[in-house]
């Protein structure tokens, strides 16, 4: 979808922690209230809600509507597809088609507290969010063989990439190392202490080639994004950020083990499709916020988006300078999900806007960014969007 008629006007993040033992609704209200304050809006201005609530551990639109006393002209509730940002894409469509003027897209989760209560090893996929522990869908074919998370097939993709292109763990390690350096400057990040290459290679292996520091961190959080129509955006507090293009393309088989090229994932189709919907080119991107549920995904996204050549993801990030805050393509400037914590892809949107508004504080990149790319998911589903600041 190419668009000039949807704008981000405010973002909000609740308190964040490994185990806050608060309810998802409580965190959602906090995040939405902060997003409205950021946009200079009141509850009375909100006429649309879009909730990402993939399971029983998150919050639906009508729950939040009731709790905050909102009067809505439109609402949507979205599960996992076509990406974790599906609610945000629905919000854009709502303002583009005139269904609403100010839509709040939001997501909240208490996965960290759930896992703390259950203990390590007890939280099989879905169970940490209150879902049945009996395997369903594709997991019924993988759990009997010990593949208990998406990390197992993605590790195989990483191995295939290493086999075909000579990618190394030393190269891949730059993603957690650079992001930990960024997290040190983010007061909301979970892990802020320095991380060295020695620390990385000393960490326990989770699923070859992923060690502990290649895997994201379950946390409790709420996050919200205000999406406004053009006329409505003019009355908000800050310069609106234009949603220049989005993509949720799926041109290949959505399968962990039957994808046509096991050195990449669905992000390949999304990345190629995104540029058909805009006049911007990959070389125009100033900052990238790319999914890092496992470090290899953040290596695969630059290839998928044409930010580097196919198979060149390893050399592209080698040494870390290119993806550092003062490099030509800063990556995951808040620390990403590997250090700031797993927000199911939602943390990237707020961070991209923070950078475009120049509000990053100590972690603000020095190059006055004007165009950000956000990539969410990447395995068997993915989504991407371009965010253009007011100077573009």
Protein backbone atom coordinates (compact mmCIF):
# COMPACT_ATOMS: atom_id res chain seq x y z
CA UNK A 1 0.00 0.00 0.00
CA UNK A 2 1.35 3.41 -0.96
CA UNK A 3 -0.08 6.21 1.10
CA UNK A 4 0.18 9.92 1.66
CA UNK A 5 -2.89 10.03 3.86
CA UNK A 6 -1.93 8.40 7.16
CA UNK A 7 0.31 10.07 9.72
CA UNK A 8 1.81 9.04 13.04
CA UNK A 9 1.19 11.88 15.49
CA UNK A 10 2.09 10.35 18.85
CA UNK A 11 3.67 7.30 20.46
CA UNK A 12 3.53 5.98 24.01
CA UNK A 13 5.30 3.33 26.06
CA UNK A 14 4.21 2.12 29.47
CA UNK A 15 6.50 1.07 32.26
CA UNK A 16 8.64 -1.86 31.08
CA UNK A 17 10.11 -4.71 33.10
CA UNK A 18 10.94 -8.39 33.18
CA UNK A 19 8.12 -9.06 35.67
CA UNK A 20 5.91 -6.14 36.64
CA UNK A 21 2.95 -8.30 37.78
CA UNK A 22 0.47 -5.75 36.43
CA UNK A 23 -2.44 -6.52 34.14
CA UNK A 24 -2.21 -6.06 30.36
CA UNK A 25 -5.15 -3.63 30.54
CA UNK A 26 -3.33 -1.50 33.11
CA UNK A 27 -0.25 -1.32 30.88
CA UNK A 28 -2.35 -0.60 27.78
CA UNK A 29 -4.11 2.33 29.47
CA UNK A 30 -0.77 3.76 30.54
CA UNK A 31 0.69 3.45 27.03
CA UNK A 32 -2.37 4.90 25.30
CA UNK A 33 -2.54 7.83 27.75
CA UNK A 34 1.11 8.63 27.08
CA UNK A 35 0.60 8.40 23.32
CA UNK A 36 -2.31 10.84 23.48
CA UNK A 37 -0.24 13.23 25.61
CA UNK A 38 2.57 12.92 23.06
CA UNK A 39 0.17 13.92 20.27
CA UNK A 40 -1.46 16.68 22.30
CA UNK A 41 -4.85 14.93 22.13
CA UNK A 42 -7.49 13.98 24.67
CA UNK A 43 -9.60 10.85 24.98
CA UNK A 44 -12.45 12.75 23.36
CA UNK A 45 -10.39 13.10 20.16
CA UNK A 46 -10.05 9.32 19.70
CA UNK A 47 -12.66 7.84 17.36
CA UNK A 48 -10.85 4.63 16.41
CA UNK A 49 -9.00 1.79 18.12
CA UNK A 50 -6.95 -1.05 16.65
CA UNK A 51 -5.74 -3.74 19.04
CA UNK A 52 -3.12 -6.38 18.45
CA UNK A 53 -4.37 -9.14 20.73
CA UNK A 54 -3.15 -12.50 19.45
CA UNK A 55 -3.99 -14.46 22.60
CA UNK A 56 -5.62 -14.48 26.01
CA UNK A 57 -2.74 -12.60 27.58
CA UNK A 58 -3.31 -9.34 25.69
CA UNK A 59 -6.03 -6.67 25.53
CA UNK A 60 -8.88 -6.25 23.06
CA UNK A 61 -10.13 -2.97 21.62
CA UNK A 62 -13.48 -3.09 23.41
CA UNK A 63 -11.83 -3.80 26.76
CA UNK A 64 -9.80 -0.63 26.40
CA UNK A 65 -12.77 1.32 25.03
CA UNK A 66 -14.81 0.43 28.09
CA UNK A 67 -12.00 1.14 30.55
CA UNK A 68 -11.20 4.57 29.08
CA UNK A 69 -14.76 5.61 28.23
CA UNK A 70 -14.04 6.12 24.53
CA UNK A 71 -16.71 6.80 21.91
CA UNK A 72 -15.63 5.02 18.72
CA UNK A 73 -16.66 5.25 15.09
CA UNK A 74 -14.42 2.30 14.19
CA UNK A 75 -12.40 -0.44 15.84
CA UNK A 76 -10.46 -3.57 14.90
CA UNK A 77 -8.95 -6.54 16.70
CA UNK A 78 -6.04 -8.28 14.98
CA UNK A 79 -4.28 -11.56 15.61
CA UNK A 80 -0.78 -12.50 14.47
CA UNK A 81 -1.24 -12.16 10.69
CA UNK A 82 -0.09 -10.73 8.37
CA UNK A 83 2.49 -9.49 10.89
CA UNK A 84 2.63 -8.37 14.49
CA UNK A 85 1.95 -4.83 13.22
CA UNK A 86 -1.34 -5.79 11.58
CA UNK A 87 -3.30 -3.50 13.91
CA UNK A 88 -1.17 -0.55 12.85
CA UNK A 89 -1.79 -1.32 9.17
CA UNK A 90 -5.54 -1.50 9.89
CA UNK A 91 -5.34 1.88 11.63
CA UNK A 92 -3.73 3.40 8.53
CA UNK A 93 -6.48 1.98 6.33
CA UNK A 94 -9.16 3.38 8.65
CA UNK A 95 -7.96 6.98 8.42
CA UNK A 96 -7.26 6.67 4.68
CA UNK A 97 -10.85 5.59 4.01
CA UNK A 98 -12.42 8.20 6.27
CA UNK A 99 -13.65 5.74 8.90
CA UNK A 100 -11.89 7.66 11.68
CA UNK A 101 -9.78 10.75 12.29
CA UNK A 102 -7.52 9.64 15.15
CA UNK A 103 -6.96 5.90 15.62
CA UNK A 104 -4.89 4.50 18.46
CA UNK A 105 -3.18 1.23 17.57
CA UNK A 106 -1.90 -0.58 20.64
CA UNK A 107 -0.55 -3.78 22.14
CA UNK A 108 0.17 -4.89 25.70
CA UNK A 109 1.60 -8.12 27.07
CA UNK A 110 2.66 -9.58 30.41
CA UNK A 111 4.67 -12.46 28.98
CA UNK A 112 7.53 -11.71 31.38
CA UNK A 113 5.35 -12.10 34.48
CA UNK A 114 3.71 -15.23 33.08
CA UNK A 115 7.05 -16.86 32.54
CA UNK A 116 8.27 -15.81 35.98
CA UNK A 117 5.25 -17.50 37.55
CA UNK A 118 5.60 -20.66 35.47
CA UNK A 119 9.36 -21.00 35.64
CA UNK A 120 11.87 -21.57 32.87
CA UNK A 121 11.05 -24.62 30.82
CA UNK A 122 7.34 -24.48 31.66
CA UNK A 123 6.40 -21.86 29.09
CA UNK A 124 5.88 -23.74 25.86
CA UNK A 125 4.74 -21.59 22.92
CA UNK A 126 1.35 -20.12 23.75
CA UNK A 127 1.25 -21.29 27.35
CA UNK A 128 3.06 -18.20 28.67
CA UNK A 129 0.13 -16.15 27.37
CA UNK A 130 -2.56 -18.32 28.92
CA UNK A 131 -3.15 -20.57 25.91
CA UNK A 132 -3.48 -24.37 26.13
CA UNK A 133 -0.22 -26.29 26.33
CA UNK A 134 -1.44 -28.87 23.84
CA UNK A 135 0.28 -28.21 20.53
CA UNK A 136 -1.86 -26.83 17.74
CA UNK A 137 -1.27 -25.89 14.10
CA UNK A 138 2.25 -26.25 12.78
CA UNK A 139 3.61 -26.88 16.29
CA UNK A 140 1.96 -30.30 16.44
CA UNK A 141 4.50 -31.41 13.81
CA UNK A 142 7.57 -29.80 15.40
CA UNK A 143 7.16 -30.16 19.16
CA UNK A 144 7.49 -33.97 19.10
CA UNK A 145 10.99 -33.49 17.67
CA UNK A 146 12.07 -30.96 20.30
CA UNK A 147 11.53 -27.84 18.19
CA UNK A 148 9.66 -25.84 20.82
CA UNK A 149 9.97 -22.33 19.37
CA UNK A 150 10.47 -20.43 16.14
CA UNK A 151 14.14 -20.24 17.11
CA UNK A 152 14.70 -23.81 15.96
CA UNK A 153 13.73 -23.39 12.28
CA UNK A 154 15.30 -19.91 12.17
CA UNK A 155 18.54 -21.43 13.46
CA UNK A 156 18.40 -23.82 10.52
CA UNK A 157 17.94 -20.86 8.16
CA UNK A 158 21.00 -19.25 9.74
CA UNK A 159 22.99 -22.46 9.23
CA UNK A 160 21.93 -22.55 5.58
CA UNK A 161 23.00 -18.92 5.13
CA UNK A 162 26.36 -19.73 6.68
CA UNK A 163 26.77 -22.73 4.38
CA UNK A 164 25.90 -20.83 1.18
CA UNK A 165 27.54 -17.47 1.84
CA UNK A 166 30.23 -18.03 4.48
CA UNK A 167 28.40 -16.02 7.13
CA UNK A 168 30.05 -16.40 10.55
CA UNK A 169 28.98 -16.21 14.16
CA UNK A 170 31.51 -13.40 14.62
CA UNK A 171 29.62 -11.37 12.04
CA UNK A 172 26.21 -12.21 13.50
CA UNK A 173 27.47 -11.29 16.98
CA UNK A 174 27.67 -7.65 15.91
CA UNK A 175 23.88 -7.40 16.12
CA UNK A 176 23.62 -8.11 19.87
CA UNK A 177 26.85 -6.21 20.56
CA UNK A 178 25.82 -3.03 18.74
CA UNK A 179 22.31 -3.19 20.14
CA UNK A 180 23.59 -3.60 23.70
CA UNK A 181 25.67 -0.44 23.20
CA UNK A 182 22.48 1.32 22.10
CA UNK A 183 20.55 -0.10 25.06
CA UNK A 184 23.11 1.38 27.45
CA UNK A 185 21.77 4.80 26.40
CA UNK A 186 18.09 3.81 26.71
CA UNK A 187 16.72 4.17 30.24
CA UNK A 188 13.82 1.82 29.40
CA UNK A 189 16.04 -1.04 28.21
CA UNK A 190 16.13 -4.25 30.25
CA UNK A 191 19.84 -5.02 29.80
CA UNK A 192 22.19 -2.03 29.71
CA UNK A 193 25.50 -3.40 30.95
CA UNK A 194 28.34 -3.73 28.36
CA UNK A 195 28.47 -6.85 26.21
CA UNK A 196 31.75 -8.03 24.66
CA UNK A 197 32.62 -10.56 21.99
CA UNK A 198 34.12 -12.72 24.73
CA UNK A 199 30.83 -12.57 26.65
CA UNK A 200 28.99 -13.58 23.50
CA UNK A 201 31.11 -16.65 22.79
CA UNK A 202 31.11 -17.67 26.46
CA UNK A 203 27.31 -17.74 26.65
CA UNK A 204 25.44 -21.02 26.67
CA UNK A 205 24.21 -22.32 23.33
CA UNK A 206 20.43 -22.32 22.88
CA UNK A 207 20.05 -23.78 19.38
CA UNK A 208 23.08 -23.81 17.08
CA UNK A 209 24.17 -21.21 15.97
CA UNK A 210 22.17 -19.11 18.47
CA UNK A 211 23.57 -18.54 21.93
CA UNK A 212 21.77 -16.81 24.79
CA UNK A 213 22.53 -13.32 23.45
CA UNK A 214 21.03 -14.11 20.04
CA UNK A 215 17.56 -14.55 21.59
CA UNK A 216 15.14 -11.83 22.62
CA UNK A 217 13.88 -11.27 26.17
CA UNK A 218 10.27 -11.79 27.34
CA UNK A 219 9.01 -8.73 29.22
CA UNK A 220 5.89 -6.88 30.38
CA UNK A 221 4.96 -3.75 28.43
CA UNK A 222 2.28 -1.67 26.75
CA UNK A 223 2.82 0.44 23.66
CA UNK A 224 0.59 2.65 21.53
CA UNK A 225 0.74 4.63 18.28
CA UNK A 226 -1.66 7.42 17.29
CA UNK A 227 -2.47 7.37 13.56
CA UNK A 228 -4.23 10.46 12.20
CA UNK A 229 -5.87 11.56 8.98
CA UNK A 230 -4.23 14.52 7.14
CA UNK A 231 -6.67 17.20 8.28
CA UNK A 232 -6.73 15.89 11.84
CA UNK A 233 -2.93 15.63 11.95
CA UNK A 234 -2.57 19.38 11.46
CA UNK A 235 -3.95 20.04 14.94
CA UNK A 236 -1.57 17.71 16.81
CA UNK A 237 1.36 18.82 18.92
CA UNK A 238 4.33 17.62 16.88
CA UNK A 239 5.20 17.48 13.17
CA UNK A 240 3.27 14.49 11.77
CA UNK A 241 5.30 11.57 10.44
CA UNK A 242 4.01 10.30 7.13
CA UNK A 243 3.42 6.59 6.56
CA UNK A 244 4.98 6.58 3.09
CA UNK A 245 4.45 2.89 2.25
CA UNK A 246 3.55 -0.44 3.81
CA UNK A 247 3.83 -4.04 2.67
CA UNK A 248 2.56 -7.40 3.86
CA UNK A 249 3.34 -9.34 0.69
CA UNK A 250 3.31 -13.16 0.72
CA UNK A 251 4.33 -14.51 -2.67
CA UNK A 252 5.90 -17.74 -1.47
CA UNK A 253 4.68 -20.66 0.59
CA UNK A 254 4.25 -19.69 4.25
CA UNK A 255 5.99 -22.68 5.74
CA UNK A 256 8.90 -23.13 8.16
CA UNK A 257 10.27 -26.14 6.28
CA UNK A 258 8.86 -25.80 2.74
CA UNK A 259 9.91 -22.24 1.88
CA UNK A 260 11.64 -22.16 -1.50
CA UNK A 261 14.94 -20.76 -0.14
CA UNK A 262 15.83 -21.77 3.40
CA UNK A 263 18.54 -19.12 3.64
CA UNK A 264 15.84 -16.45 3.83
CA UNK A 265 12.24 -16.05 4.97
CA UNK A 266 8.98 -14.24 4.20
CA UNK A 267 10.75 -10.92 4.83
CA UNK A 268 12.25 -11.40 1.35
CA UNK A 269 8.86 -10.93 -0.35
CA UNK A 270 7.85 -8.03 1.88
CA UNK A 271 11.17 -6.22 1.41
CA UNK A 272 11.00 -6.43 -2.38
CA UNK A 273 7.35 -5.37 -2.50
CA UNK A 274 7.82 -2.32 -0.26
CA UNK A 275 9.85 -0.43 -2.86
CA UNK A 276 7.18 -0.91 -5.54
CA UNK A 277 4.87 1.29 -3.46
CA UNK A 278 7.01 4.40 -3.07
CA UNK A 279 9.43 6.67 -4.90
CA UNK A 280 11.94 6.23 -2.08
CA UNK A 281 14.85 3.85 -2.67
CA UNK A 282 16.86 1.71 -0.23
CA UNK A 283 19.72 4.23 -0.28
CA UNK A 284 17.35 6.89 1.11
CA UNK A 285 16.93 5.07 4.43
CA UNK A 286 18.57 6.86 7.37
CA UNK A 287 17.70 4.49 10.21
CA UNK A 288 16.47 0.89 10.33
CA UNK A 289 14.37 -0.72 13.06
CA UNK A 290 14.32 -4.40 12.12
CA UNK A 291 12.90 -7.43 13.87
CA UNK A 292 15.44 -9.29 16.01
CA UNK A 293 13.52 -12.02 17.77
CA UNK A 294 16.70 -13.92 16.91
CA UNK A 295 19.78 -12.15 15.63
CA UNK A 296 19.74 -13.82 12.21
CA UNK A 297 16.40 -12.18 11.40
CA UNK A 298 18.02 -8.75 11.77
CA UNK A 299 20.76 -9.95 9.42
CA UNK A 300 18.23 -11.22 6.86
CA UNK A 301 16.12 -8.03 6.75
CA UNK A 302 18.83 -5.78 5.20
CA UNK A 303 19.18 -8.31 2.37
CA UNK A 304 15.40 -8.52 1.98
CA UNK A 305 15.08 -4.72 1.82
CA UNK A 306 17.91 -4.29 -0.66
CA UNK A 307 20.03 -2.42 1.87
CA UNK A 308 22.78 -4.85 0.92
CA UNK A 309 23.10 -7.57 -1.70
CA UNK A 310 21.71 -11.07 -1.28
CA UNK A 311 24.08 -13.19 0.77
CA UNK A 312 26.05 -10.12 1.88
CA UNK A 313 24.35 -9.63 5.23
CA UNK A 314 27.39 -10.97 7.11
CA UNK A 315 29.98 -8.66 5.50
CA UNK A 316 27.45 -5.78 5.70
CA UNK A 317 27.35 -5.90 9.51
CA UNK A 318 30.93 -7.15 10.04
CA UNK A 319 32.78 -5.07 12.63
CA UNK A 320 29.55 -3.32 13.62
CA UNK A 321 30.50 0.16 12.38
CA UNK A 322 27.99 0.28 9.52
CA UNK A 323 25.04 -0.43 11.83
CA UNK A 324 26.18 1.65 14.82
CA UNK A 325 24.47 4.87 15.82
CA UNK A 326 27.10 6.96 14.04
CA UNK A 327 27.31 4.64 11.02
CA UNK A 328 25.54 4.97 7.66
CA UNK A 329 22.65 2.69 8.69
CA UNK A 330 21.96 2.76 12.45
CA UNK A 331 20.13 -0.41 13.51
CA UNK A 332 17.66 -0.84 16.38
CA UNK A 333 18.75 2.28 18.20
CA UNK A 334 16.81 1.50 21.39
CA UNK A 335 18.63 -1.81 21.87
CA UNK A 336 16.11 -3.94 19.99
CA UNK A 337 14.41 -6.97 21.44
CA UNK A 338 17.76 -8.55 22.30
CA UNK A 339 18.50 -5.91 24.97
CA UNK A 340 15.52 -3.58 25.36
CA UNK A 341 13.07 -6.48 25.50
CA UNK A 342 10.57 -8.35 23.33
CA UNK A 343 7.67 -6.10 22.34
CA UNK A 344 6.48 -8.37 19.52
CA UNK A 345 7.70 -5.87 16.93
CA UNK A 346 5.92 -2.83 18.38
CA UNK A 347 8.96 -1.20 19.95
CA UNK A 348 10.46 -0.47 16.54
CA UNK A 349 7.67 1.90 15.49
CA UNK A 350 7.94 4.11 18.55
CA UNK A 351 11.72 4.16 18.31
CA UNK A 352 11.66 5.06 14.60
CA UNK A 353 9.36 8.00 15.34
CA UNK A 354 11.47 9.07 18.32
CA UNK A 355 14.52 9.24 16.06
CA UNK A 356 12.67 11.12 13.30
CA UNK A 357 11.43 13.65 15.86
CA UNK A 358 14.98 14.04 17.21
CA UNK A 359 13.90 12.98 20.69
CA UNK A 360 16.30 10.09 21.25
CA UNK A 361 18.34 11.86 23.93
CA UNK A 362 21.68 10.18 24.45
CA UNK A 363 20.88 7.53 21.84
CA UNK A 364 19.77 10.05 19.17
CA UNK A 365 21.67 9.38 15.97
CA UNK A 366 23.65 12.44 14.89
CA UNK A 367 22.66 12.56 11.21
CA UNK A 368 19.18 14.18 11.55
CA UNK A 369 17.31 11.19 10.06
CA UNK A 370 14.43 11.82 7.70
CA UNK A 371 13.42 8.33 6.55
CA UNK A 372 13.05 5.20 8.70
CA UNK A 373 12.25 1.66 7.68
CA UNK A 374 10.54 -0.71 10.11
CA UNK A 375 10.46 -4.46 9.53
CA UNK A 376 8.43 -6.77 11.76
CA UNK A 377 8.37 -10.55 11.84
CA UNK A 378 10.24 -12.18 9.00
CA UNK A 379 9.78 -15.94 9.32
CA UNK A 380 6.46 -17.28 8.01
CA UNK A 381 4.85 -13.82 8.11
CA UNK A 382 6.25 -10.31 7.87
CA UNK A 383 5.33 -6.67 7.45
CA UNK A 384 7.24 -3.46 6.74
CA UNK A 385 6.61 0.25 6.57
CA UNK A 386 8.44 3.44 5.64
CA UNK A 387 8.11 6.45 7.93
CA UNK A 388 9.00 9.85 6.50
CA UNK A 389 9.77 12.80 8.76
CA UNK A 390 8.52 16.33 8.12
CA UNK A 391 11.66 17.31 6.19
CA UNK A 392 11.05 14.75 3.43
